[in-house]
PDB file of N, CA and C in Angstrom:
ATOM      1  N   MET A   1      43.039  -7.741 -38.146  1.00  0.00           N
ATOM      2  CA  MET A   1      43.679  -8.484 -37.179  1.00  0.00           C
ATOM      3  C   MET A   1      44.477  -8.019 -35.980  1.00  0.00           C
ATOM      4  N   PRO A   2      43.831  -7.539 -34.803  1.00  0.00           N
ATOM      5  CA  PRO A   2      44.657  -7.264 -33.919  1.00  0.00           C
ATOM      6  C   PRO A   2      46.203  -7.569 -33.386  1.00  0.00           C
ATOM      7  N   ASN A   3      47.248  -6.554 -33.564  1.00  0.00           N
ATOM      8  CA  ASN A   3      48.785  -6.905 -32.964  1.00  0.00           C
ATOM      9  C   ASN A   3      48.898  -7.420 -31.529  1.00  0.00           C
ATOM     10  N   LEU A   4      48.352  -8.573 -31.264  1.00  0.00           N
ATOM     11  CA  LEU A   4      48.111  -8.876 -29.696  1.00  0.00           C
ATOM     12  C   LEU A   4      48.884 -10.066 -29.779  1.00  0.00           C
ATOM     13  N   PHE A   5      49.364 -10.311 -28.437  1.00  0.00           N
ATOM     14  CA  PHE A   5      50.110 -11.657 -28.317  1.00  0.00           C
ATOM     15  C   PHE A   5      49.514 -12.356 -27.029  1.00  0.00           C
ATOM     16  N   PRO A   6      48.459 -12.622 -26.652  1.00  0.00           N
ATOM     17  CA  PRO A   6      47.798 -13.163 -25.443  1.00  0.00           C
ATOM     18  C   PRO A   6      48.472 -14.420 -25.141  1.00  0.00           C
ATOM     19  N   LYS A   7      47.930 -14.861 -23.799  1.00  0.00           N
ATOM     20  CA  LYS A   7      48.589 -16.030 -23.091  1.00  0.00           C
ATOM     21  C   LYS A   7      48.234 -17.275 -24.131  1.00  0.00           C
ATOM     22  N   HIS A   8      47.355 -17.492 -24.717  1.00  0.00           N
ATOM     23  CA  HIS A   8      46.768 -18.542 -25.316  1.00  0.00           C
ATOM     24  C   HIS A   8      47.656 -18.719 -26.745  1.00  0.00           C
ATOM     25  N   ASN A   9      48.009 -17.770 -26.882  1.00  0.00           N
ATOM     26  CA  ASN A   9      49.097 -18.029 -28.122  1.00  0.00           C
ATOM     27  C   ASN A   9      50.741 -17.925 -27.865  1.00  0.00           C
ATOM     28  N   ARG A  10      50.953 -18.429 -26.575  1.00  0.00           N
ATOM     29  CA  ARG A  10      52.284 -18.828 -26.351  1.00  0.00           C
ATOM     30  C   ARG A  10      52.055 -20.390 -26.003  1.00  0.00           C
ATOM     31  N   LEU A  11      53.289 -21.098 -26.311  1.00  0.00           N
ATOM     32  CA  LEU A  11      53.456 -22.440 -26.339  1.00  0.00           C
ATOM     33  C   LEU A  11      54.040 -22.947 -25.194  1.00  0.00           C
ATOM     34  N   CYS A  12      53.146 -23.499 -24.138  1.00  0.00           N
ATOM     35  CA  CYS A  12      53.694 -24.115 -22.883  1.00  0.00           C
ATOM     36  C   CYS A  12      53.123 -25.509 -22.869  1.00  0.00           C
ATOM     37  N   GLY A  13      54.030 -26.134 -21.836  1.00  0.00           N
ATOM     38  CA  GLY A  13      54.096 -27.542 -21.492  1.00  0.00           C
ATOM     39  C   GLY A  13      55.189 -28.468 -22.110  1.00  0.00           C
ATOM     40  N   GLN A  14      55.743 -29.196 -21.233  1.00  0.00           N
ATOM     41  CA  GLN A  14      56.943 -30.006 -21.909  1.00  0.00           C
ATOM     42  C   GLN A  14      56.330 -30.835 -22.734  1.00  0.00           C
ATOM     43  N   LEU A  15      55.149 -31.406 -22.392  1.00  0.00           N
ATOM     44  CA  LEU A  15      55.010 -32.495 -23.570  1.00  0.00           C
ATOM     45  C   LEU A  15      54.940 -31.952 -24.774  1.00  0.00           C
ATOM     46  N   ARG A  16      54.088 -30.648 -25.307  1.00  0.00           N
ATOM     47  CA  ARG A  16      54.043 -29.928 -26.415  1.00  0.00           C
ATOM     48  C   ARG A  16      55.291 -29.357 -26.886  1.00  0.00           C
ATOM     49  N   ILE A  17      56.347 -29.038 -26.029  1.00  0.00           N
ATOM     50  CA  ILE A  17      57.338 -28.571 -26.558  1.00  0.00           C
ATOM     51  C   ILE A  17      58.387 -29.499 -26.955  1.00  0.00           C
ATOM     52  N   ALA A  18      58.539 -30.963 -26.424  1.00  0.00           N
ATOM     53  CA  ALA A  18      59.060 -31.769 -26.444  1.00  0.00           C
ATOM     54  C   ALA A  18      58.571 -32.352 -27.894  1.00  0.00           C
ATOM     55  N   GLN A  19      57.350 -32.585 -28.239  1.00  0.00           N
ATOM     56  CA  GLN A  19      57.126 -33.063 -29.242  1.00  0.00           C
ATOM     57  C   GLN A  19      57.493 -32.176 -30.541  1.00  0.00           C
ATOM     58  N   LEU A  20      57.232 -31.113 -30.238  1.00  0.00           N
ATOM     59  CA  LEU A  20      57.730 -29.729 -31.529  1.00  0.00           C
ATOM     60  C   LEU A  20      58.994 -30.335 -31.869  1.00  0.00           C
ATOM     61  N   TYR A  21      59.865 -30.132 -30.934  1.00  0.00           N
ATOM     62  CA  TYR A  21      61.649 -30.489 -31.150  1.00  0.00           C
ATOM     63  C   TYR A  21      61.744 -31.914 -31.898  1.00  0.00           C
ATOM     64  N   LYS A  22      61.055 -32.984 -31.202  1.00  0.00           N
ATOM     65  CA  LYS A  22      61.060 -34.140 -31.663  1.00  0.00           C
ATOM     66  C   LYS A  22      60.850 -34.249 -33.224  1.00  0.00           C
ATOM     67  N   THR A  23      59.727 -33.748 -33.788  1.00  0.00           N
ATOM     68  CA  THR A  23      59.008 -33.916 -35.007  1.00  0.00           C
ATOM     69  C   THR A  23      58.883 -32.854 -35.755  1.00  0.00           C
ATOM     70  N   GLY A  24      59.290 -31.669 -35.444  1.00  0.00           N
ATOM     71  CA  GLY A  24      58.966 -30.348 -36.298  1.00  0.00           C
ATOM     72  C   GLY A  24      60.032 -30.342 -37.215  1.00  0.00           C
ATOM     73  N   HIS A  25      59.864 -28.943 -38.109  1.00  0.00           N
ATOM     74  CA  HIS A  25      60.826 -28.871 -39.016  1.00  0.00           C
ATOM     75  C   HIS A  25      61.956 -28.063 -38.705  1.00  0.00           C
ATOM     76  N   ARG A  26      62.911 -27.773 -39.218  1.00  0.00           N
ATOM     77  CA  ARG A  26      64.012 -26.533 -38.680  1.00  0.00           C
ATOM     78  C   ARG A  26      64.521 -26.026 -39.572  1.00  0.00           C
ATOM     79  N   PHE A  27      64.897 -24.681 -39.394  1.00  0.00           N
ATOM     80  CA  PHE A  27      65.683 -23.842 -40.390  1.00  0.00           C
ATOM     81  C   PHE A  27      66.235 -22.894 -39.496  1.00  0.00           C
ATOM     82  N   THR A  28      67.658 -22.101 -40.097  1.00  0.00           N
ATOM     83  CA  THR A  28      67.995 -21.096 -39.344  1.00  0.00           C
ATOM     84  C   THR A  28      67.788 -19.722 -40.206  1.00  0.00           C
ATOM     85  N   ALA A  29      67.382 -18.716 -39.639  1.00  0.00           N
ATOM     86  CA  ALA A  29      67.223 -17.292 -40.023  1.00  0.00           C
ATOM     87  C   ALA A  29      68.019 -16.284 -39.165  1.00  0.00           C
ATOM     88  N   TRP A  30      69.205 -16.301 -39.340  1.00  0.00           N
ATOM     89  CA  TRP A  30      70.295 -15.529 -38.260  1.00  0.00           C
ATOM     90  C   TRP A  30      69.522 -14.480 -38.129  1.00  0.00           C
ATOM     91  N   PRO A  31      69.471 -14.288 -36.644  1.00  0.00           N
ATOM     92  CA  PRO A  31      70.405 -15.127 -35.457  1.00  0.00           C
ATOM     93  C   PRO A  31      69.249 -15.987 -34.538  1.00  0.00           C
ATOM     94  N   LEU A  32      68.346 -16.430 -35.625  1.00  0.00           N
ATOM     95  CA  LEU A  32      67.612 -17.352 -34.873  1.00  0.00           C
ATOM     96  C   LEU A  32      67.561 -18.568 -35.536  1.00  0.00           C
ATOM     97  N   ARG A  33      67.336 -20.002 -34.911  1.00  0.00           N
ATOM     98  CA  ARG A  33      66.814 -21.178 -35.146  1.00  0.00           C
ATOM     99  C   ARG A  33      65.316 -21.098 -34.934  1.00  0.00           C
ATOM    100  N   VAL A  34      64.903 -21.662 -36.243  1.00  0.00           N
ATOM    101  CA  VAL A  34      63.025 -21.769 -35.968  1.00  0.00           C
ATOM    102  C   VAL A  34      62.808 -23.136 -36.213  1.00  0.00           C
ATOM    103  N   THR A  35      61.906 -23.879 -35.454  1.00  0.00           N
ATOM    104  CA  THR A  35      61.429 -24.894 -35.184  1.00  0.00           C
ATOM    105  C   THR A  35      59.948 -24.725 -35.162  1.00  0.00           C
ATOM    106  N   TRP A  36      59.517 -25.489 -36.685  1.00  0.00           N
ATOM    107  CA  TRP A  36      57.808 -25.119 -36.543  1.00  0.00           C
ATOM    108  C   TRP A  36      57.338 -26.525 -36.863  1.00  0.00           C
ATOM    109  N   GLN A  37      55.949 -26.556 -36.527  1.00  0.00           N
ATOM    110  CA  GLN A  37      55.069 -27.858 -36.971  1.00  0.00           C
ATOM    111  C   GLN A  37      53.573 -27.236 -37.250  1.00  0.00           C
ATOM    112  N   GLU A  38      53.147 -27.797 -38.276  1.00  0.00           N
ATOM    113  CA  GLU A  38      51.715 -27.529 -38.394  1.00  0.00           C
ATOM    114  C   GLU A  38      50.879 -28.204 -37.661  1.00  0.00           C
ATOM    115  N   THR A  39      49.793 -27.703 -37.237  1.00  0.00           N
ATOM    116  CA  THR A  39      48.615 -28.285 -36.235  1.00  0.00           C
ATOM    117  C   THR A  39      47.252 -27.761 -36.577  1.00  0.00           C
ATOM    118  N   GLU A  40      46.250 -28.645 -36.340  1.00  0.00           N
ATOM    119  CA  GLU A  40      44.706 -28.193 -36.491  1.00  0.00           C
ATOM    120  C   GLU A  40      44.225 -26.704 -35.310  1.00  0.00           C
ATOM    121  N   GLU A  41      45.055 -26.853 -34.486  1.00  0.00           N
ATOM    122  CA  GLU A  41      44.730 -25.821 -33.342  1.00  0.00           C
ATOM    123  C   GLU A  41      45.097 -24.328 -33.973  1.00  0.00           C
ATOM    124  N   LYS A  42      45.090 -23.529 -32.915  1.00  0.00           N
ATOM    125  CA  LYS A  42      45.498 -21.837 -33.304  1.00  0.00           C
ATOM    126  C   LYS A  42      47.379 -21.919 -33.066  1.00  0.00           C
ATOM    127  N   THR A  43      47.640 -20.968 -33.684  1.00  0.00           N
ATOM    128  CA  THR A  43      49.078 -20.966 -33.713  1.00  0.00           C
ATOM    129  C   THR A  43      49.601 -20.539 -32.335  1.00  0.00           C
ATOM    130  N   GLN A  44      50.711 -21.246 -32.025  1.00  0.00           N
ATOM    131  CA  GLN A  44      51.338 -20.903 -30.652  1.00  0.00           C
ATOM    132  C   GLN A  44      52.868 -20.928 -30.886  1.00  0.00           C
ATOM    133  N   VAL A  45      53.315 -20.062 -30.069  1.00  0.00           N
ATOM    134  CA  VAL A  45      55.005 -19.405 -30.255  1.00  0.00           C
ATOM    135  C   VAL A  45      55.489 -19.967 -29.092  1.00  0.00           C
ATOM    136  N   LEU A  46      56.705 -20.043 -29.160  1.00  0.00           N
ATOM    137  CA  LEU A  46      57.864 -20.269 -27.748  1.00  0.00           C
ATOM    138  C   LEU A  46      58.898 -19.591 -28.248  1.00  0.00           C
ATOM    139  N   VAL A  47      59.274 -18.629 -27.431  1.00  0.00           N
ATOM    140  CA  VAL A  47      60.691 -17.959 -27.703  1.00  0.00           C
ATOM    141  C   VAL A  47      61.667 -17.870 -26.425  1.00  0.00           C
ATOM    142  N   TRP A  48      62.660 -18.307 -27.083  1.00  0.00           N
ATOM    143  CA  TRP A  48      63.775 -18.705 -26.125  1.00  0.00           C
ATOM    144  C   TRP A  48      65.265 -18.330 -26.223  1.00  0.00           C
ATOM    145  N   ALA A  49      65.599 -17.575 -25.120  1.00  0.00           N
ATOM    146  CA  ALA A  49      67.105 -17.317 -25.318  1.00  0.00           C
ATOM    147  C   ALA A  49      67.885 -17.979 -24.034  1.00  0.00           C
ATOM    148  N   PRO A  50      69.092 -18.999 -24.611  1.00  0.00           N
ATOM    149  CA  PRO A  50      69.381 -19.586 -23.602  1.00  0.00           C
ATOM    150  C   PRO A  50      70.518 -19.002 -22.201  1.00  0.00           C
ATOM    151  N   LYS A  51      70.137 -19.516 -21.311  1.00  0.00           N
ATOM    152  CA  LYS A  51      71.289 -18.954 -20.107  1.00  0.00           C
ATOM    153  C   LYS A  51      72.676 -19.403 -20.652  1.00  0.00           C
ATOM    154  N   SER A  52      73.285 -20.309 -21.170  1.00  0.00           N
ATOM    155  CA  SER A  52      74.711 -20.604 -21.563  1.00  0.00           C
ATOM    156  C   SER A  52      75.382 -19.855 -22.611  1.00  0.00           C
ATOM    157  N   LEU A  53      74.621 -18.816 -23.119  1.00  0.00           N
ATOM    158  CA  LEU A  53      75.075 -17.879 -24.111  1.00  0.00           C
ATOM    159  C   LEU A  53      74.862 -16.398 -23.163  1.00  0.00           C
ATOM    160  N   PHE A  54      74.007 -16.236 -22.336  1.00  0.00           N
ATOM    161  CA  PHE A  54      73.676 -14.856 -21.770  1.00  0.00           C
ATOM    162  C   PHE A  54      73.312 -15.091 -20.251  1.00  0.00           C
ATOM    163  N   LYS A  55      74.746 -15.223 -19.577  1.00  0.00           N
ATOM    164  CA  LYS A  55      74.175 -15.299 -17.995  1.00  0.00           C
ATOM    165  C   LYS A  55      73.099 -14.473 -17.314  1.00  0.00           C
ATOM    166  N   ARG A  56      73.245 -13.299 -17.695  1.00  0.00           N
ATOM    167  CA  ARG A  56      72.571 -12.102 -17.119  1.00  0.00           C
ATOM    168  C   ARG A  56      70.910 -12.302 -17.543  1.00  0.00           C
ATOM    169  N   ALA A  57      70.126 -12.230 -16.729  1.00  0.00           N
ATOM    170  CA  ALA A  57      68.645 -12.596 -16.741  1.00  0.00           C
ATOM    171  C   ALA A  57      68.323 -11.142 -17.954  1.00  0.00           C
ATOM    172  N   VAL A  58      68.936 -10.416 -17.286  1.00  0.00           N
ATOM    173  CA  VAL A  58      68.395  -8.868 -18.004  1.00  0.00           C
ATOM    174  C   VAL A  58      68.415  -9.155 -19.890  1.00  0.00           C
ATOM    175  N   LYS A  59      69.659  -9.610 -19.824  1.00  0.00           N
ATOM    176  CA  LYS A  59      69.817  -9.847 -21.739  1.00  0.00           C
ATOM    177  C   LYS A  59      69.095 -10.734 -22.089  1.00  0.00           C
ATOM    178  N   ARG A  60      68.881 -11.800 -21.130  1.00  0.00           N
ATOM    179  CA  ARG A  60      68.045 -12.779 -21.891  1.00  0.00           C
ATOM    180  C   ARG A  60      66.355 -12.261 -22.013  1.00  0.00           C
ATOM    181  N   ASN A  61      66.077 -11.473 -21.045  1.00  0.00           N
ATOM    182  CA  ASN A  61      64.753 -11.055 -20.863  1.00  0.00           C
ATOM    183  C   ASN A  61      64.514  -9.951 -22.191  1.00  0.00           C
ATOM    184  N   ARG A  62      65.666  -9.255 -22.149  1.00  0.00           N
ATOM    185  CA  ARG A  62      65.505  -8.370 -23.581  1.00  0.00           C
ATOM    186  C   ARG A  62      65.260  -8.806 -24.869  1.00  0.00           C
ATOM    187  N   LEU A  63      66.210  -9.836 -24.950  1.00  0.00           N
ATOM    188  CA  LEU A  63      66.017 -10.615 -26.125  1.00  0.00           C
ATOM    189  C   LEU A  63      64.816 -11.387 -26.496  1.00  0.00           C
ATOM    190  N   ARG A  64      64.207 -11.920 -25.259  1.00  0.00           N
ATOM    191  CA  ARG A  64      62.848 -12.363 -25.836  1.00  0.00           C
ATOM    192  C   ARG A  64      61.774 -11.665 -25.672  1.00  0.00           C
ATOM    193  N   ARG A  65      62.022 -10.302 -25.206  1.00  0.00           N
ATOM    194  CA  ARG A  65      61.024  -9.241 -25.308  1.00  0.00           C
ATOM    195  C   ARG A  65      61.029  -9.059 -26.749  1.00  0.00           C
ATOM    196  N   LEU A  66      62.334  -8.590 -27.175  1.00  0.00           N
ATOM    197  CA  LEU A  66      62.501  -8.022 -28.989  1.00  0.00           C
ATOM    198  C   LEU A  66      61.665  -9.111 -29.581  1.00  0.00           C
ATOM    199  N   MET A  67      62.150 -10.621 -29.404  1.00  0.00           N
ATOM    200  CA  MET A  67      61.632 -11.600 -30.332  1.00  0.00           C
ATOM    201  C   MET A  67      60.032 -11.742 -30.332  1.00  0.00           C
ATOM    202  N   ARG A  68      59.365 -11.465 -29.086  1.00  0.00           N
ATOM    203  CA  ARG A  68      57.925 -11.437 -28.984  1.00  0.00           C
ATOM    204  C   ARG A  68      57.518 -10.225 -29.474  1.00  0.00           C
ATOM    205  N   GLU A  69      58.221  -8.898 -29.743  1.00  0.00           N
ATOM    206  CA  GLU A  69      57.632  -7.713 -30.259  1.00  0.00           C
ATOM    207  C   GLU A  69      57.431  -7.837 -31.826  1.00  0.00           C
ATOM    208  N   ALA A  70      58.892  -8.460 -32.224  1.00  0.00           N
ATOM    209  CA  ALA A  70      59.043  -8.439 -33.543  1.00  0.00           C
ATOM    210  C   ALA A  70      57.795  -9.727 -33.859  1.00  0.00           C
ATOM    211  N   TYR A  71      57.273 -10.769 -33.399  1.00  0.00           N
ATOM    212  CA  TYR A  71      56.257 -11.655 -33.615  1.00  0.00           C
ATOM    213  C   TYR A  71      55.210 -10.840 -33.879  1.00  0.00           C
ATOM    214  N   ARG A  72      54.896 -10.085 -32.711  1.00  0.00           N
ATOM    215  CA  ARG A  72      53.667  -9.637 -32.503  1.00  0.00           C
ATOM    216  C   ARG A  72      53.092  -8.770 -33.902  1.00  0.00           C
ATOM    217  N   LEU A  73      54.250  -7.818 -34.202  1.00  0.00           N
ATOM    218  CA  LEU A  73      53.899  -7.080 -35.430  1.00  0.00           C
ATOM    219  C   LEU A  73      53.841  -7.653 -36.968  1.00  0.00           C
ATOM    220  N   ASN A  74      54.345  -8.654 -36.844  1.00  0.00           N
ATOM    221  CA  ASN A  74      54.438  -9.636 -37.871  1.00  0.00           C
ATOM    222  C   ASN A  74      53.590 -10.690 -38.141  1.00  0.00           C
ATOM    223  N   GLN A  75      52.818 -10.977 -37.224  1.00  0.00           N
ATOM    224  CA  GLN A  75      52.139 -12.467 -37.150  1.00  0.00           C
ATOM    225  C   GLN A  75      51.039 -12.172 -38.198  1.00  0.00           C
ATOM    226  N   GLU A  76      50.832 -11.290 -38.843  1.00  0.00           N
ATOM    227  CA  GLU A  76      49.643 -11.152 -39.952  1.00  0.00           C
ATOM    228  C   GLU A  76      50.162 -12.007 -41.211  1.00  0.00           C
ATOM    229  N   LEU A  77      51.505 -12.310 -41.320  1.00  0.00           N
ATOM    230  CA  LEU A  77      52.116 -12.838 -42.322  1.00  0.00           C
ATOM    231  C   LEU A  77      51.560 -14.367 -42.188  1.00  0.00           C
ATOM    232  N   LEU A  78      51.417 -15.012 -41.009  1.00  0.00           N
ATOM    233  CA  LEU A  78      50.845 -16.476 -41.047  1.00  0.00           C
ATOM    234  C   LEU A  78      48.979 -16.359 -41.112  1.00  0.00           C
ATOM    235  N   ALA A  79      48.506 -15.229 -41.102  1.00  0.00           N
ATOM    236  CA  ALA A  79      47.236 -14.973 -40.902  1.00  0.00           C
ATOM    237  C   ALA A  79      46.216 -15.654 -42.156  1.00  0.00           C
ATOM    238  N   SER A  80      46.859 -15.639 -43.406  1.00  0.00           N
ATOM    239  CA  SER A  80      46.642 -15.989 -44.627  1.00  0.00           C
ATOM    240  C   SER A  80      46.101 -17.660 -44.551  1.00  0.00           C
ATOM    241  N   GLU A  81      46.568 -18.061 -43.577  1.00  0.00           N
ATOM    242  CA  GLU A  81      46.487 -19.810 -43.323  1.00  0.00           C
ATOM    243  C   GLU A  81      45.472 -19.811 -42.436  1.00  0.00           C
ATOM    244  N   GLU A  82      44.066 -19.812 -42.896  1.00  0.00           N
ATOM    245  CA  GLU A  82      43.162 -19.543 -41.916  1.00  0.00           C
ATOM    246  C   GLU A  82      42.705 -21.170 -41.124  1.00  0.00           C
ATOM    247  N   LYS A  83      42.787 -22.187 -42.013  1.00  0.00           N
ATOM    248  CA  LYS A  83      42.586 -23.447 -41.478  1.00  0.00           C
ATOM    249  C   LYS A  83      43.478 -24.021 -40.771  1.00  0.00           C
ATOM    250  N   LYS A  84      44.566 -23.748 -40.953  1.00  0.00           N
ATOM    251  CA  LYS A  84      46.225 -24.178 -40.473  1.00  0.00           C
ATOM    252  C   LYS A  84      46.533 -23.458 -39.340  1.00  0.00           C
ATOM    253  N   GLY A  85      47.380 -24.049 -38.263  1.00  0.00           N
ATOM    254  CA  GLY A  85      47.542 -23.294 -37.150  1.00  0.00           C
ATOM    255  C   GLY A  85      48.923 -24.114 -36.871  1.00  0.00           C
ATOM    256  N   PHE A  86      50.048 -23.316 -36.497  1.00  0.00           N
ATOM    257  CA  PHE A  86      51.405 -23.810 -36.086  1.00  0.00           C
ATOM    258  C   PHE A  86      51.748 -23.716 -34.987  1.00  0.00           C
ATOM    259  N   LEU A  87      52.914 -24.605 -34.548  1.00  0.00           N
ATOM    260  CA  LEU A  87      53.736 -24.658 -33.242  1.00  0.00           C
ATOM    261  C   LEU A  87      54.869 -24.155 -33.775  1.00  0.00           C
ATOM    262  N   ILE A  88      55.499 -22.964 -33.300  1.00  0.00           N
ATOM    263  CA  ILE A  88      56.805 -22.306 -33.573  1.00  0.00           C
ATOM    264  C   ILE A  88      57.637 -21.958 -32.562  1.00  0.00           C
ATOM    265  N   ALA A  89      58.853 -22.315 -32.650  1.00  0.00           N
ATOM    266  CA  ALA A  89      60.035 -21.983 -31.742  1.00  0.00           C
ATOM    267  C   ALA A  89      60.852 -21.417 -32.139  1.00  0.00           C
ATOM    268  N   PHE A  90      61.279 -19.867 -31.545  1.00  0.00           N
ATOM    269  CA  PHE A  90      62.094 -19.192 -31.996  1.00  0.00           C
ATOM    270  C   PHE A  90      63.195 -19.328 -31.009  1.00  0.00           C
ATOM    271  N   ASN A  91      64.493 -19.809 -31.526  1.00  0.00           N
ATOM    272  CA  ASN A  91      65.797 -19.853 -30.386  1.00  0.00           C
ATOM    273  C   ASN A  91      66.698 -18.944 -30.879  1.00  0.00           C
ATOM    274  N   TYR A  92      67.237 -18.217 -29.935  1.00  0.00           N
ATOM    275  CA  TYR A  92      68.118 -17.283 -30.142  1.00  0.00           C
ATOM    276  C   TYR A  92      69.476 -17.931 -30.292  1.00  0.00           C
ATOM    277  N   ILE A  93      70.615 -18.106 -31.177  1.00  0.00           N
ATOM    278  CA  ILE A  93      71.468 -18.888 -30.875  1.00  0.00           C
ATOM    279  C   ILE A  93      72.810 -17.863 -31.351  1.00  0.00           C
ATOM    280  N   ASP A  94      72.907 -16.609 -31.554  1.00  0.00           N
ATOM    281  CA  ASP A  94      74.161 -15.749 -31.831  1.00  0.00           C
ATOM    282  C   ASP A  94      74.724 -15.582 -30.063  1.00  0.00           C
ATOM    283  N   LYS A  95      75.721 -15.391 -30.244  1.00  0.00           N
ATOM    284  CA  LYS A  95      76.420 -15.207 -29.061  1.00  0.00           C
ATOM    285  C   LYS A  95      76.236 -13.683 -28.751  1.00  0.00           C
ATOM    286  N   GLU A  96      76.119 -12.814 -29.287  1.00  0.00           N
ATOM    287  CA  GLU A  96      76.006 -11.115 -29.171  1.00  0.00           C
ATOM    288  C   GLU A  96      74.692 -10.829 -29.390  1.00  0.00           C
ATOM    289  N   GLU A  97      74.243  -9.846 -28.630  1.00  0.00           N
ATOM    290  CA  GLU A  97      72.966  -9.234 -28.740  1.00  0.00           C
ATOM    291  C   GLU A  97      73.101  -8.645 -30.028  1.00  0.00           C
ATOM    292  N   GLN A  98      71.806  -8.946 -30.601  1.00  0.00           N
ATOM    293  CA  GLN A  98      71.775  -8.023 -32.218  1.00  0.00           C
ATOM    294  C   GLN A  98      70.388  -7.098 -32.003  1.00  0.00           C
ATOM    295  N   SER A  99      70.445  -6.139 -32.791  1.00  0.00           N
ATOM    296  CA  SER A  99      69.653  -5.131 -32.725  1.00  0.00           C
ATOM    297  C   SER A  99      68.022  -5.356 -33.052  1.00  0.00           C
ATOM    298  N   TYR A 100      67.455  -4.488 -32.884  1.00  0.00           N
ATOM    299  CA  TYR A 100      66.043  -5.062 -32.927  1.00  0.00           C
ATOM    300  C   TYR A 100      65.397  -5.215 -34.515  1.00  0.00           C
ATOM    301  N   GLN A 101      66.241  -4.276 -35.053  1.00  0.00           N
ATOM    302  CA  GLN A 101      65.898  -4.372 -36.719  1.00  0.00           C
ATOM    303  C   GLN A 101      66.270  -5.796 -37.344  1.00  0.00           C
ATOM    304  N   THR A 102      67.739  -6.145 -36.732  1.00  0.00           N
ATOM    305  CA  THR A 102      68.003  -7.884 -37.107  1.00  0.00           C
ATOM    306  C   THR A 102      67.084  -8.572 -36.784  1.00  0.00           C
ATOM    307  N   ILE A 103      66.400  -8.940 -35.476  1.00  0.00           N
ATOM    308  CA  ILE A 103      65.838 -10.016 -35.028  1.00  0.00           C
ATOM    309  C   ILE A 103      64.519  -9.539 -36.004  1.00  0.00           C
ATOM    310  N   ASP A 104      64.032  -8.472 -35.950  1.00  0.00           N
ATOM    311  CA  ASP A 104      62.705  -8.268 -36.840  1.00  0.00           C
ATOM    312  C   ASP A 104      62.803  -8.784 -37.901  1.00  0.00           C
ATOM    313  N   LYS A 105      63.870  -8.569 -38.865  1.00  0.00           N
ATOM    314  CA  LYS A 105      64.087  -9.065 -40.149  1.00  0.00           C
ATOM    315  C   LYS A 105      64.089 -10.708 -40.007  1.00  0.00           C
ATOM    316  N   ALA A 106      64.775 -11.199 -39.200  1.00  0.00           N
ATOM    317  CA  ALA A 106      64.870 -12.649 -39.178  1.00  0.00           C
ATOM    318  C   ALA A 106      63.634 -13.517 -38.668  1.00  0.00           C
ATOM    319  N   ILE A 107      62.785 -12.779 -37.809  1.00  0.00           N
ATOM    320  CA  ILE A 107      61.299 -13.260 -37.762  1.00  0.00           C
ATOM    321  C   ILE A 107      60.362 -13.093 -38.982  1.00  0.00           C
ATOM    322  N   ARG A 108      60.370 -11.903 -39.951  1.00  0.00           N
ATOM    323  CA  ARG A 108      59.860 -11.765 -40.950  1.00  0.00           C
ATOM    324  C   ARG A 108      59.948 -12.767 -42.007  1.00  0.00           C
ATOM    325  N   LYS A 109      61.371 -13.263 -42.366  1.00  0.00           N
ATOM    326  CA  LYS A 109      61.926 -13.856 -43.144  1.00  0.00           C
ATOM    327  C   LYS A 109      61.455 -15.428 -42.531  1.00  0.00           C
ATOM    328  N   ALA A 110      61.734 -15.744 -41.372  1.00  0.00           N
ATOM    329  CA  ALA A 110      60.832 -17.024 -41.019  1.00  0.00           C
ATOM    330  C   ALA A 110      59.436 -17.394 -41.202  1.00  0.00           C
ATOM    331  N   LEU A 111      58.526 -16.253 -40.855  1.00  0.00           N
ATOM    332  CA  LEU A 111      57.332 -16.420 -40.903  1.00  0.00           C
ATOM    333  C   LEU A 111      56.836 -16.668 -42.588  1.00  0.00           C
ATOM    334  N   GLN A 112      57.681 -15.738 -43.277  1.00  0.00           N
ATOM    335  CA  GLN A 112      57.098 -15.973 -44.911  1.00  0.00           C
ATOM    336  C   GLN A 112      57.608 -17.384 -45.398  1.00  0.00           C
ATOM    337  N   LYS A 113      58.992 -17.852 -44.701  1.00  0.00           N
ATOM    338  CA  LYS A 113      59.240 -19.007 -44.913  1.00  0.00           C
ATOM    339  C   LYS A 113      58.253 -20.254 -44.635  1.00  0.00           C
ATOM    340  N   ILE A 114      57.791 -20.130 -43.506  1.00  0.00           N
ATOM    341  CA  ILE A 114      56.722 -21.085 -42.955  1.00  0.00           C
ATOM    342  C   ILE A 114      55.333 -21.006 -43.756  1.00  0.00           C
ATOM    343  N   ALA A 115      54.862 -19.579 -44.087  1.00  0.00           N
ATOM    344  CA  ALA A 115      53.828 -19.544 -44.606  1.00  0.00           C
ATOM    345  C   ALA A 115      54.063 -20.202 -46.191  1.00  0.00           C
ATOM    346  N   ASN A 116      54.986 -19.961 -46.834  1.00  0.00           N
ATOM    347  CA  ASN A 116      55.153 -20.460 -48.211  1.00  0.00           C
ATOM    348  C   ASN A 116      55.333 -22.175 -48.221  1.00  0.00           C
ATOM    349  N   HIS A 117      55.894 -22.324 -47.502  1.00  0.00           N
ATOM    350  CA  HIS A 117      55.799 -23.855 -47.324  1.00  0.00           C
ATOM    351  C   HIS A 117      54.926 -24.570 -46.480  1.00  0.00           C
ATOM    352  N   ALA A 118      54.085 -23.865 -46.045  1.00  0.00           N
ATOM    353  CA  ALA A 118      52.461 -24.392 -45.719  1.00  0.00           C
ATOM    354  C   ALA A 118      51.612 -24.548 -46.889  1.00  0.00           C
ATOM    355  N   GLU A 119      51.622 -23.847 -47.872  1.00  0.00           N
ATOM    356  CA  GLU A 119      50.968 -23.669 -48.847  1.00  0.00           C
ATOM    357  C   GLU A 119      50.523 -24.710 -49.871  1.00  0.00           C
TER     358      GLU A 119
END
């Protein structure tokens, strides 16, 4: 499976996002809050860094870019679930910018937890 993150793998649409936050499962993998839900469709991911914590768009964009890259490189952890798809939201909740290694570790931990729970 190639390490790509094309547009159709991104979670879009207010109704789908609202439904995920309303009925999805939540847990924290510091510095991220992860909300996820099983679906019959392909896996889609939402990456979010709040403006209330990071006023500068440069910092928000960097955090989102780091989270997308970490997901892109570790998405094979969910690939074993062939018949299932997931809707996943990664929300950055720390007030400080963390390094890529910290974010990558959190994303890996979150994906493993989702894959283990879905089995």
